[in-house]
Amino acid sequence: MIGIETLKQDLITVAGILNKVDAALVDKKITLVEWMGLAAETPRVFKIAKSYSVAKEEFQDLTEVEIKELVDAFTVKFDLTNDVAEQKVEQILSVVASIAGAFVIE
């Protein structure tokens, strides 16, 4: 087993960025300060891209328990202002995780 730390951190980062975008769009526009805040996330996006090969290895070695842990880590961090949209995204993630879990060989 390789572990899931890179995947988990990447998912938490993505959830945080999505939360920032959601908060910026509450008033249906993005101010200069909000743009600057989103731009400040660029290094985190590059870090995800740079860790792709490690994340890919972790993904290929996932167990069902690790998949559940990843989904839980994302859903704890992910918090949209629109609860219905948040539930839909979390449901989609759960379905994708279930499909991925079907291919896990333990």
N, C-alpha and C. Protein backbone atom coordinates (compact mmCIF):
# COMPACT_ATOMS: atom_id res chain seq x y z
N MET A 1 0.83 -1.19 0.00
CA MET A 1 0.00 0.00 0.00
C MET A 1 0.88 1.25 0.00
N ILE A 2 0.56 2.17 -0.88
CA ILE A 2 1.34 3.39 -1.04
C ILE A 2 0.86 4.48 -0.07
N GLY A 3 -0.42 4.56 0.16
CA GLY A 3 -0.99 5.62 0.98
C GLY A 3 -1.82 6.57 0.13
N ILE A 4 -2.40 7.57 0.80
CA ILE A 4 -3.29 8.49 0.09
C ILE A 4 -3.05 9.95 0.46
N GLU A 5 -1.94 10.25 1.09
CA GLU A 5 -1.73 11.60 1.59
C GLU A 5 -1.74 12.66 0.48
N THR A 6 -1.11 12.37 -0.64
CA THR A 6 -1.10 13.35 -1.74
C THR A 6 -2.50 13.55 -2.30
N LEU A 7 -3.20 12.45 -2.55
CA LEU A 7 -4.58 12.55 -3.05
C LEU A 7 -5.47 13.31 -2.08
N LYS A 8 -5.33 13.00 -0.81
CA LYS A 8 -6.16 13.66 0.19
C LYS A 8 -5.88 15.16 0.22
N GLN A 9 -4.61 15.53 0.23
CA GLN A 9 -4.26 16.95 0.26
C GLN A 9 -4.75 17.66 -1.00
N ASP A 10 -4.63 16.98 -2.14
CA ASP A 10 -5.10 17.57 -3.40
C ASP A 10 -6.62 17.80 -3.35
N LEU A 11 -7.37 16.83 -2.86
CA LEU A 11 -8.83 16.98 -2.77
C LEU A 11 -9.22 18.09 -1.80
N ILE A 12 -8.52 18.18 -0.69
CA ILE A 12 -8.79 19.24 0.27
C ILE A 12 -8.49 20.60 -0.34
N THR A 13 -7.41 20.69 -1.11
CA THR A 13 -7.06 21.93 -1.79
C THR A 13 -8.15 22.32 -2.79
N VAL A 14 -8.60 21.36 -3.59
CA VAL A 14 -9.65 21.62 -4.57
C VAL A 14 -10.93 22.08 -3.87
N ALA A 15 -11.29 21.42 -2.78
CA ALA A 15 -12.48 21.81 -2.03
C ALA A 15 -12.35 23.24 -1.53
N GLY A 16 -11.19 23.59 -1.01
CA GLY A 16 -10.97 24.95 -0.51
C GLY A 16 -11.08 25.99 -1.61
N ILE A 17 -10.52 25.69 -2.78
CA ILE A 17 -10.61 26.62 -3.91
C ILE A 17 -12.06 26.77 -4.36
N LEU A 18 -12.78 25.66 -4.45
CA LEU A 18 -14.19 25.73 -4.82
C LEU A 18 -14.99 26.56 -3.82
N ASN A 19 -14.67 26.42 -2.55
CA ASN A 19 -15.34 27.23 -1.52
C ASN A 19 -15.07 28.71 -1.74
N LYS A 20 -13.82 29.07 -2.09
CA LYS A 20 -13.48 30.48 -2.33
C LYS A 20 -14.23 31.02 -3.54
N VAL A 21 -14.29 30.22 -4.60
CA VAL A 21 -15.03 30.65 -5.80
C VAL A 21 -16.50 30.85 -5.46
N ASP A 22 -17.07 29.91 -4.73
CA ASP A 22 -18.47 30.00 -4.33
C ASP A 22 -18.72 31.26 -3.51
N ALA A 23 -17.85 31.53 -2.54
CA ALA A 23 -18.02 32.72 -1.69
C ALA A 23 -17.90 34.00 -2.52
N ALA A 24 -17.00 33.99 -3.50
CA ALA A 24 -16.83 35.18 -4.34
C ALA A 24 -18.04 35.42 -5.22
N LEU A 25 -18.75 34.37 -5.58
CA LEU A 25 -19.89 34.51 -6.49
C LEU A 25 -21.23 34.72 -5.80
N VAL A 26 -21.23 34.83 -4.49
CA VAL A 26 -22.49 35.01 -3.76
C VAL A 26 -23.26 36.21 -4.30
N ASP A 27 -22.56 37.29 -4.59
CA ASP A 27 -23.23 38.50 -5.09
C ASP A 27 -23.25 38.55 -6.62
N LYS A 28 -22.97 37.42 -7.25
CA LYS A 28 -23.01 37.26 -8.72
C LYS A 28 -21.93 38.04 -9.45
N LYS A 29 -20.91 38.50 -8.73
CA LYS A 29 -19.78 39.18 -9.37
C LYS A 29 -18.53 38.91 -8.53
N ILE A 30 -17.38 39.07 -9.17
CA ILE A 30 -16.12 38.88 -8.46
C ILE A 30 -15.39 40.22 -8.44
N THR A 31 -15.12 40.71 -7.25
CA THR A 31 -14.43 41.99 -7.09
C THR A 31 -12.93 41.80 -7.31
N LEU A 32 -12.22 42.90 -7.42
CA LEU A 32 -10.77 42.85 -7.59
C LEU A 32 -10.11 42.12 -6.43
N VAL A 33 -10.55 42.41 -5.22
CA VAL A 33 -9.98 41.74 -4.04
C VAL A 33 -10.24 40.23 -4.11
N GLU A 34 -11.44 39.85 -4.54
CA GLU A 34 -11.76 38.43 -4.67
C GLU A 34 -10.91 37.77 -5.76
N TRP A 35 -10.70 38.48 -6.88
CA TRP A 35 -9.82 37.97 -7.94
C TRP A 35 -8.41 37.75 -7.40
N MET A 36 -7.95 38.70 -6.61
CA MET A 36 -6.61 38.58 -6.04
C MET A 36 -6.53 37.38 -5.10
N GLY A 37 -7.58 37.15 -4.34
CA GLY A 37 -7.62 35.99 -3.45
C GLY A 37 -7.60 34.68 -4.22
N LEU A 38 -8.34 34.65 -5.33
CA LEU A 38 -8.34 33.45 -6.17
C LEU A 38 -6.98 33.27 -6.85
N ALA A 39 -6.39 34.36 -7.30
CA ALA A 39 -5.07 34.28 -7.94
C ALA A 39 -4.03 33.76 -6.96
N ALA A 40 -4.21 34.06 -5.69
CA ALA A 40 -3.28 33.58 -4.67
C ALA A 40 -3.30 32.06 -4.53
N GLU A 41 -4.33 31.44 -5.06
CA GLU A 41 -4.44 29.97 -5.02
C GLU A 41 -3.63 29.31 -6.13
N THR A 42 -3.13 30.08 -7.08
CA THR A 42 -2.40 29.52 -8.22
C THR A 42 -1.25 28.60 -7.81
N PRO A 43 -0.42 28.97 -6.83
CA PRO A 43 0.65 28.05 -6.44
C PRO A 43 0.13 26.70 -5.95
N ARG A 44 -1.02 26.70 -5.31
CA ARG A 44 -1.59 25.44 -4.83
C ARG A 44 -2.04 24.58 -6.01
N VAL A 45 -2.55 25.22 -7.05
CA VAL A 45 -2.95 24.47 -8.25
C VAL A 45 -1.72 23.89 -8.93
N PHE A 46 -0.65 24.67 -9.01
CA PHE A 46 0.59 24.16 -9.60
C PHE A 46 1.16 23.00 -8.78
N LYS A 47 1.01 23.08 -7.45
CA LYS A 47 1.48 22.00 -6.60
C LYS A 47 0.73 20.71 -6.90
N ILE A 48 -0.58 20.82 -7.13
CA ILE A 48 -1.38 19.64 -7.50
C ILE A 48 -0.87 19.08 -8.82
N ALA A 49 -0.64 19.95 -9.79
CA ALA A 49 -0.15 19.50 -11.10
C ALA A 49 1.21 18.82 -10.97
N LYS A 50 2.09 19.38 -10.14
CA LYS A 50 3.42 18.80 -9.97
C LYS A 50 3.38 17.44 -9.29
N SER A 51 2.39 17.22 -8.44
CA SER A 51 2.31 15.96 -7.71
C SER A 51 1.47 14.91 -8.44
N TYR A 52 1.15 15.19 -9.71
CA TYR A 52 0.28 14.29 -10.48
C TYR A 52 0.77 12.84 -10.47
N SER A 53 2.05 12.61 -10.70
CA SER A 53 2.54 11.24 -10.80
C SER A 53 2.40 10.50 -9.48
N VAL A 54 2.63 11.18 -8.36
CA VAL A 54 2.45 10.54 -7.05
C VAL A 54 0.97 10.26 -6.81
N ALA A 55 0.11 11.25 -7.12
CA ALA A 55 -1.34 11.07 -6.94
C ALA A 55 -1.85 9.93 -7.82
N LYS A 56 -1.31 9.81 -9.02
CA LYS A 56 -1.72 8.73 -9.92
C LYS A 56 -1.37 7.37 -9.32
N GLU A 57 -0.18 7.24 -8.78
CA GLU A 57 0.23 5.98 -8.13
C GLU A 57 -0.68 5.67 -6.95
N GLU A 58 -0.97 6.69 -6.14
CA GLU A 58 -1.86 6.49 -5.00
C GLU A 58 -3.24 6.06 -5.47
N PHE A 59 -3.74 6.69 -6.52
CA PHE A 59 -5.06 6.36 -7.05
C PHE A 59 -5.10 4.91 -7.52
N GLN A 60 -4.07 4.49 -8.21
CA GLN A 60 -4.03 3.13 -8.74
C GLN A 60 -3.92 2.08 -7.64
N ASP A 61 -3.52 2.50 -6.44
CA ASP A 61 -3.33 1.57 -5.32
C ASP A 61 -4.43 1.70 -4.26
N LEU A 62 -5.51 2.42 -4.58
CA LEU A 62 -6.56 2.67 -3.59
C LEU A 62 -7.25 1.39 -3.13
N THR A 63 -7.61 1.40 -1.85
CA THR A 63 -8.47 0.36 -1.29
C THR A 63 -9.85 0.99 -1.07
N GLU A 64 -10.83 0.18 -0.80
CA GLU A 64 -12.17 0.71 -0.54
C GLU A 64 -12.18 1.61 0.69
N VAL A 65 -11.43 1.26 1.71
CA VAL A 65 -11.34 2.07 2.93
C VAL A 65 -10.73 3.43 2.60
N GLU A 66 -9.68 3.44 1.79
CA GLU A 66 -9.04 4.69 1.40
C GLU A 66 -9.97 5.56 0.57
N ILE A 67 -10.75 4.96 -0.30
CA ILE A 67 -11.71 5.72 -1.11
C ILE A 67 -12.70 6.44 -0.19
N LYS A 68 -13.21 5.71 0.80
CA LYS A 68 -14.15 6.32 1.75
C LYS A 68 -13.46 7.45 2.52
N GLU A 69 -12.22 7.25 2.90
CA GLU A 69 -11.48 8.29 3.62
C GLU A 69 -11.30 9.55 2.77
N LEU A 70 -11.04 9.36 1.48
CA LEU A 70 -10.89 10.50 0.57
C LEU A 70 -12.21 11.26 0.42
N VAL A 71 -13.29 10.52 0.22
CA VAL A 71 -14.61 11.16 0.09
C VAL A 71 -14.94 11.92 1.36
N ASP A 72 -14.69 11.32 2.51
CA ASP A 72 -14.97 11.99 3.79
C ASP A 72 -14.14 13.25 3.95
N ALA A 73 -12.85 13.19 3.58
CA ALA A 73 -11.97 14.36 3.70
C ALA A 73 -12.48 15.51 2.83
N PHE A 74 -12.93 15.18 1.63
CA PHE A 74 -13.45 16.21 0.72
C PHE A 74 -14.74 16.82 1.27
N THR A 75 -15.67 15.96 1.67
CA THR A 75 -16.98 16.47 2.09
C THR A 75 -16.89 17.28 3.38
N VAL A 76 -15.93 17.00 4.24
CA VAL A 76 -15.75 17.80 5.46
C VAL A 76 -15.30 19.21 5.09
N LYS A 77 -14.41 19.33 4.13
CA LYS A 77 -13.85 20.64 3.74
C LYS A 77 -14.78 21.41 2.79
N PHE A 78 -15.53 20.70 1.95
CA PHE A 78 -16.35 21.29 0.90
C PHE A 78 -17.62 21.88 1.50
N ASP A 79 -17.85 23.18 1.30
CA ASP A 79 -19.02 23.83 1.90
C ASP A 79 -19.48 24.99 1.02
N LEU A 80 -20.47 24.72 0.18
CA LEU A 80 -21.03 25.76 -0.68
C LEU A 80 -22.14 26.49 0.05
N THR A 81 -22.42 27.71 -0.39
CA THR A 81 -23.54 28.46 0.19
C THR A 81 -24.88 27.86 -0.23
N ASN A 82 -24.91 27.23 -1.39
CA ASN A 82 -26.12 26.57 -1.88
C ASN A 82 -26.05 25.10 -1.45
N ASP A 83 -26.81 24.77 -0.40
CA ASP A 83 -26.75 23.41 0.15
C ASP A 83 -27.22 22.35 -0.83
N VAL A 84 -28.17 22.70 -1.71
CA VAL A 84 -28.64 21.73 -2.70
C VAL A 84 -27.52 21.40 -3.69
N ALA A 85 -26.83 22.43 -4.17
CA ALA A 85 -25.71 22.20 -5.09
C ALA A 85 -24.60 21.42 -4.39
N GLU A 86 -24.35 21.75 -3.13
CA GLU A 86 -23.32 21.03 -2.36
C GLU A 86 -23.68 19.54 -2.26
N GLN A 87 -24.93 19.25 -1.96
CA GLN A 87 -25.36 17.85 -1.86
C GLN A 87 -25.21 17.13 -3.19
N LYS A 88 -25.54 17.81 -4.28
CA LYS A 88 -25.41 17.20 -5.62
C LYS A 88 -23.96 16.85 -5.91
N VAL A 89 -23.05 17.78 -5.63
CA VAL A 89 -21.63 17.52 -5.88
C VAL A 89 -21.16 16.35 -5.02
N GLU A 90 -21.57 16.33 -3.76
CA GLU A 90 -21.17 15.24 -2.87
C GLU A 90 -21.76 13.91 -3.32
N GLN A 91 -22.99 13.93 -3.83
CA GLN A 91 -23.59 12.69 -4.36
C GLN A 91 -22.83 12.20 -5.58
N ILE A 92 -22.47 13.11 -6.47
CA ILE A 92 -21.70 12.74 -7.65
C ILE A 92 -20.36 12.14 -7.24
N LEU A 93 -19.70 12.77 -6.27
CA LEU A 93 -18.43 12.25 -5.78
C LEU A 93 -18.60 10.84 -5.20
N SER A 94 -19.68 10.63 -4.48
CA SER A 94 -19.94 9.30 -3.91
C SER A 94 -20.16 8.26 -4.99
N VAL A 95 -20.87 8.63 -6.05
CA VAL A 95 -21.11 7.70 -7.16
C VAL A 95 -19.79 7.38 -7.86
N VAL A 96 -18.99 8.40 -8.13
CA VAL A 96 -17.70 8.19 -8.77
C VAL A 96 -16.82 7.30 -7.89
N ALA A 97 -16.85 7.56 -6.58
CA ALA A 97 -16.06 6.75 -5.65
C ALA A 97 -16.55 5.29 -5.65
N SER A 98 -17.85 5.11 -5.74
CA SER A 98 -18.40 3.75 -5.78
C SER A 98 -17.96 3.02 -7.04
N ILE A 99 -17.97 3.73 -8.15
CA ILE A 99 -17.51 3.13 -9.41
C ILE A 99 -16.03 2.79 -9.31
N ALA A 100 -15.24 3.71 -8.77
CA ALA A 100 -13.80 3.44 -8.59
C ALA A 100 -13.61 2.25 -7.67
N GLY A 101 -14.41 2.18 -6.62
CA GLY A 101 -14.33 1.07 -5.68
C GLY A 101 -14.63 -0.27 -6.30
N ALA A 102 -15.45 -0.27 -7.33
CA ALA A 102 -15.79 -1.52 -8.02
C ALA A 102 -14.57 -2.11 -8.74
N PHE A 103 -13.58 -1.27 -9.02
CA PHE A 103 -12.39 -1.73 -9.72
C PHE A 103 -11.22 -2.03 -8.79
N VAL A 104 -11.46 -1.87 -7.48
CA VAL A 104 -10.41 -2.12 -6.50
C VAL A 104 -10.25 -3.62 -6.30
N ILE A 105 -9.02 -4.06 -6.38
CA ILE A 105 -8.72 -5.47 -6.14
C ILE A 105 -7.90 -5.54 -4.85
N GLU A 106 -8.49 -6.15 -3.84
CA GLU A 106 -7.78 -6.24 -2.56
C GLU A 106 -7.36 -7.66 -2.30
